[in-house]
Amino acid sequence: MRLDKFLKVTRVVKRRTIANELCDLGRVEVNGDVKKALYTVKIGDKILIKYFNRVFNVDVISMPPESVKKEDIEKYIKIIEIKE
C-alpha cells in the first residue's frame, strides 16, 4: 500500500491529499529516510511524521484493508511518541 494511502486509511492524516503534500515537503520519514508518497509501506516500518508543530512516531504492525473502523486502528499501527 502506498504511503499516502496508508496514512489516510489508518487515520494518522485526515485526507490523502494532505498526506501526499507532507511527503512532497519531506516531512515524512520511513526508517530514517525521507520517502515520497509512492513508497510501499511494509510491516515493521517506523514512520516519523512532522505535521504542523507535532511529531508522530508510528510503528506499522500489520497492513490494513482498504477501509478500517476507528476502533480497529490499533491492530495495524502503534503510535509510539507524540511531541508538541
N, C-alpha and C. Protein backbone atom coordinates (compact mmCIF):
# COMPACT_ATOMS: atom_id res chain seq x y z
N MET A 1 0.85 -1.18 0.00
CA MET A 1 0.00 0.00 0.00
C MET A 1 0.90 1.24 0.00
N ARG A 2 0.54 2.22 -0.81
CA ARG A 2 1.29 3.47 -0.88
C ARG A 2 1.29 4.19 0.47
N LEU A 3 2.34 4.93 0.72
CA LEU A 3 2.50 5.64 1.98
C LEU A 3 1.37 6.64 2.23
N ASP A 4 1.01 7.43 1.22
CA ASP A 4 -0.05 8.43 1.43
C ASP A 4 -1.38 7.75 1.73
N LYS A 5 -1.67 6.66 1.05
CA LYS A 5 -2.92 5.94 1.30
C LYS A 5 -2.90 5.28 2.69
N PHE A 6 -1.75 4.73 3.08
CA PHE A 6 -1.63 4.11 4.40
C PHE A 6 -1.91 5.12 5.50
N LEU A 7 -1.35 6.31 5.39
CA LEU A 7 -1.57 7.34 6.41
C LEU A 7 -3.03 7.75 6.49
N LYS A 8 -3.72 7.77 5.36
CA LYS A 8 -5.13 8.14 5.33
C LYS A 8 -6.00 7.01 5.88
N VAL A 9 -5.75 5.77 5.45
CA VAL A 9 -6.57 4.63 5.88
C VAL A 9 -6.45 4.40 7.39
N THR A 10 -5.25 4.57 7.94
CA THR A 10 -5.05 4.38 9.38
C THR A 10 -5.40 5.62 10.19
N ARG A 11 -5.88 6.64 9.52
CA ARG A 11 -6.35 7.88 10.15
C ARG A 11 -5.27 8.67 10.89
N VAL A 12 -4.03 8.49 10.48
CA VAL A 12 -2.96 9.32 11.02
C VAL A 12 -3.11 10.73 10.46
N VAL A 13 -3.48 10.81 9.17
CA VAL A 13 -3.75 12.08 8.49
C VAL A 13 -5.18 12.00 7.96
N LYS A 14 -5.87 13.11 8.02
CA LYS A 14 -7.30 13.11 7.68
C LYS A 14 -7.59 12.87 6.20
N ARG A 15 -6.79 13.47 5.31
CA ARG A 15 -7.04 13.34 3.87
C ARG A 15 -5.78 12.87 3.15
N ARG A 16 -5.99 12.13 2.07
CA ARG A 16 -4.86 11.61 1.31
C ARG A 16 -4.07 12.73 0.65
N THR A 17 -4.74 13.79 0.23
CA THR A 17 -4.01 14.90 -0.39
C THR A 17 -3.07 15.57 0.60
N ILE A 18 -3.48 15.65 1.86
CA ILE A 18 -2.61 16.22 2.89
C ILE A 18 -1.41 15.30 3.11
N ALA A 19 -1.65 13.99 3.15
CA ALA A 19 -0.56 13.03 3.30
C ALA A 19 0.41 13.14 2.13
N ASN A 20 -0.11 13.31 0.94
CA ASN A 20 0.71 13.45 -0.25
C ASN A 20 1.57 14.72 -0.17
N GLU A 21 0.97 15.82 0.27
CA GLU A 21 1.71 17.08 0.41
C GLU A 21 2.81 16.97 1.46
N LEU A 22 2.52 16.30 2.58
CA LEU A 22 3.53 16.11 3.62
C LEU A 22 4.73 15.33 3.06
N CYS A 23 4.44 14.31 2.28
CA CYS A 23 5.52 13.53 1.64
C CYS A 23 6.32 14.39 0.68
N ASP A 24 5.64 15.19 -0.13
CA ASP A 24 6.31 16.06 -1.10
C ASP A 24 7.20 17.10 -0.42
N LEU A 25 6.80 17.55 0.76
CA LEU A 25 7.57 18.56 1.50
C LEU A 25 8.71 17.94 2.31
N GLY A 26 8.82 16.61 2.31
CA GLY A 26 9.89 15.93 3.04
C GLY A 26 9.63 15.82 4.52
N ARG A 27 8.38 15.86 4.92
CA ARG A 27 8.03 15.80 6.34
C ARG A 27 7.66 14.40 6.81
N VAL A 28 7.83 13.40 5.95
CA VAL A 28 7.55 12.01 6.31
C VAL A 28 8.81 11.18 6.09
N GLU A 29 9.27 10.53 7.16
CA GLU A 29 10.44 9.66 7.07
C GLU A 29 10.01 8.24 7.39
N VAL A 30 10.58 7.29 6.68
CA VAL A 30 10.35 5.87 6.97
C VAL A 30 11.71 5.25 7.24
N ASN A 31 11.86 4.69 8.43
CA ASN A 31 13.13 4.07 8.86
C ASN A 31 14.31 5.04 8.70
N GLY A 32 14.08 6.31 8.98
CA GLY A 32 15.14 7.31 8.96
C GLY A 32 15.40 7.99 7.63
N ASP A 33 14.71 7.56 6.56
CA ASP A 33 14.90 8.16 5.24
C ASP A 33 13.62 8.87 4.81
N VAL A 34 13.78 10.06 4.22
CA VAL A 34 12.63 10.79 3.68
C VAL A 34 12.09 10.00 2.49
N LYS A 35 10.78 9.78 2.47
CA LYS A 35 10.15 8.99 1.40
C LYS A 35 9.07 9.79 0.70
N LYS A 36 8.84 9.45 -0.55
CA LYS A 36 7.77 10.05 -1.34
C LYS A 36 6.48 9.28 -1.09
N ALA A 37 5.37 9.82 -1.57
CA ALA A 37 4.05 9.22 -1.36
C ALA A 37 3.92 7.85 -2.00
N LEU A 38 4.69 7.57 -3.04
CA LEU A 38 4.56 6.29 -3.73
C LEU A 38 5.32 5.15 -3.06
N TYR A 39 6.03 5.41 -1.97
CA TYR A 39 6.75 4.37 -1.23
C TYR A 39 5.76 3.30 -0.75
N THR A 40 6.13 2.03 -0.88
CA THR A 40 5.28 0.92 -0.44
C THR A 40 5.59 0.60 1.02
N VAL A 41 4.60 0.77 1.88
CA VAL A 41 4.74 0.54 3.31
C VAL A 41 4.81 -0.96 3.57
N LYS A 42 5.71 -1.36 4.49
CA LYS A 42 5.87 -2.76 4.86
C LYS A 42 5.67 -2.93 6.36
N ILE A 43 5.35 -4.14 6.77
CA ILE A 43 5.21 -4.44 8.19
C ILE A 43 6.56 -4.23 8.86
N GLY A 44 6.57 -3.57 10.00
CA GLY A 44 7.79 -3.29 10.73
C GLY A 44 8.40 -1.93 10.44
N ASP A 45 7.87 -1.20 9.47
CA ASP A 45 8.37 0.14 9.17
C ASP A 45 8.10 1.08 10.34
N LYS A 46 9.01 2.01 10.54
CA LYS A 46 8.84 3.05 11.54
C LYS A 46 8.70 4.37 10.79
N ILE A 47 7.56 5.01 10.97
CA ILE A 47 7.24 6.22 10.22
C ILE A 47 7.28 7.42 11.16
N LEU A 48 7.99 8.46 10.75
CA LEU A 48 8.06 9.71 11.51
C LEU A 48 7.37 10.78 10.68
N ILE A 49 6.38 11.44 11.28
CA ILE A 49 5.61 12.45 10.56
C ILE A 49 5.71 13.78 11.30
N LYS A 50 6.13 14.82 10.60
CA LYS A 50 6.16 16.17 11.15
C LYS A 50 4.96 16.90 10.58
N TYR A 51 3.97 17.14 11.43
CA TYR A 51 2.69 17.69 10.99
C TYR A 51 2.39 18.91 11.84
N PHE A 52 2.47 20.09 11.25
CA PHE A 52 2.37 21.37 11.95
C PHE A 52 3.44 21.41 13.04
N ASN A 53 3.07 21.61 14.30
CA ASN A 53 4.06 21.68 15.37
C ASN A 53 4.14 20.38 16.16
N ARG A 54 3.66 19.28 15.57
CA ARG A 54 3.67 17.98 16.25
C ARG A 54 4.53 16.98 15.49
N VAL A 55 5.06 16.03 16.22
CA VAL A 55 5.85 14.96 15.62
C VAL A 55 5.26 13.63 16.07
N PHE A 56 4.90 12.77 15.11
CA PHE A 56 4.33 11.46 15.39
C PHE A 56 5.32 10.38 14.99
N ASN A 57 5.53 9.41 15.85
CA ASN A 57 6.28 8.21 15.51
C ASN A 57 5.29 7.07 15.47
N VAL A 58 5.18 6.42 14.32
CA VAL A 58 4.19 5.37 14.12
C VAL A 58 4.89 4.07 13.74
N ASP A 59 4.54 2.98 14.41
CA ASP A 59 5.05 1.65 14.09
C ASP A 59 4.00 0.91 13.28
N VAL A 60 4.38 0.28 12.19
CA VAL A 60 3.45 -0.48 11.36
C VAL A 60 3.42 -1.92 11.90
N ILE A 61 2.27 -2.34 12.42
CA ILE A 61 2.12 -3.68 12.98
C ILE A 61 1.67 -4.66 11.90
N SER A 62 0.68 -4.29 11.14
CA SER A 62 0.21 -5.12 10.01
C SER A 62 -0.43 -4.21 8.98
N MET A 63 -0.69 -4.77 7.81
CA MET A 63 -1.25 -3.99 6.72
C MET A 63 -2.77 -3.97 6.80
N PRO A 64 -3.36 -2.78 6.75
CA PRO A 64 -4.82 -2.67 6.83
C PRO A 64 -5.49 -2.97 5.50
N PRO A 65 -6.79 -3.33 5.55
CA PRO A 65 -7.55 -3.45 4.30
C PRO A 65 -7.84 -2.05 3.75
N GLU A 66 -8.67 -1.95 2.75
CA GLU A 66 -8.96 -0.66 2.10
C GLU A 66 -9.63 0.34 3.03
N SER A 67 -10.40 -0.14 3.99
CA SER A 67 -11.02 0.75 4.97
C SER A 67 -10.96 0.10 6.35
N VAL A 68 -10.80 0.96 7.36
CA VAL A 68 -10.62 0.47 8.73
C VAL A 68 -11.56 1.23 9.64
N LYS A 69 -12.23 0.51 10.53
CA LYS A 69 -13.06 1.17 11.54
C LYS A 69 -12.16 1.84 12.56
N LYS A 70 -12.65 2.90 13.14
CA LYS A 70 -11.87 3.68 14.09
C LYS A 70 -11.36 2.82 15.26
N GLU A 71 -12.20 1.93 15.74
CA GLU A 71 -11.82 1.10 16.89
C GLU A 71 -10.82 -0.01 16.53
N ASP A 72 -10.61 -0.27 15.24
CA ASP A 72 -9.69 -1.33 14.82
C ASP A 72 -8.31 -0.82 14.43
N ILE A 73 -8.07 0.46 14.52
CA ILE A 73 -6.81 1.04 14.07
C ILE A 73 -5.62 0.48 14.86
N GLU A 74 -5.81 0.19 16.14
CA GLU A 74 -4.71 -0.30 16.98
C GLU A 74 -4.17 -1.65 16.52
N LYS A 75 -4.92 -2.38 15.69
CA LYS A 75 -4.45 -3.65 15.15
C LYS A 75 -3.39 -3.44 14.06
N TYR A 76 -3.35 -2.26 13.48
CA TYR A 76 -2.49 -2.01 12.33
C TYR A 76 -1.32 -1.07 12.62
N ILE A 77 -1.50 -0.12 13.53
CA ILE A 77 -0.42 0.81 13.86
C ILE A 77 -0.33 0.99 15.37
N LYS A 78 0.85 1.44 15.79
CA LYS A 78 1.06 1.80 17.19
C LYS A 78 1.76 3.15 17.18
N ILE A 79 1.14 4.13 17.78
CA ILE A 79 1.76 5.46 17.88
C ILE A 79 2.68 5.42 19.09
N ILE A 80 3.98 5.54 18.81
CA ILE A 80 4.99 5.39 19.84
C ILE A 80 5.18 6.67 20.63
N GLU A 81 5.18 7.80 19.95
CA GLU A 81 5.52 9.05 20.61
C GLU A 81 4.81 10.21 19.93
N ILE A 82 4.32 11.11 20.73
CA ILE A 82 3.74 12.33 20.18
C ILE A 82 4.38 13.50 20.90
N LYS A 83 5.06 14.36 20.14
CA LYS A 83 5.67 15.55 20.72
C LYS A 83 4.92 16.76 20.22
N GLU A 84 4.79 17.76 21.06
CA GLU A 84 4.16 19.01 20.63
C GLU A 84 5.17 20.12 20.62
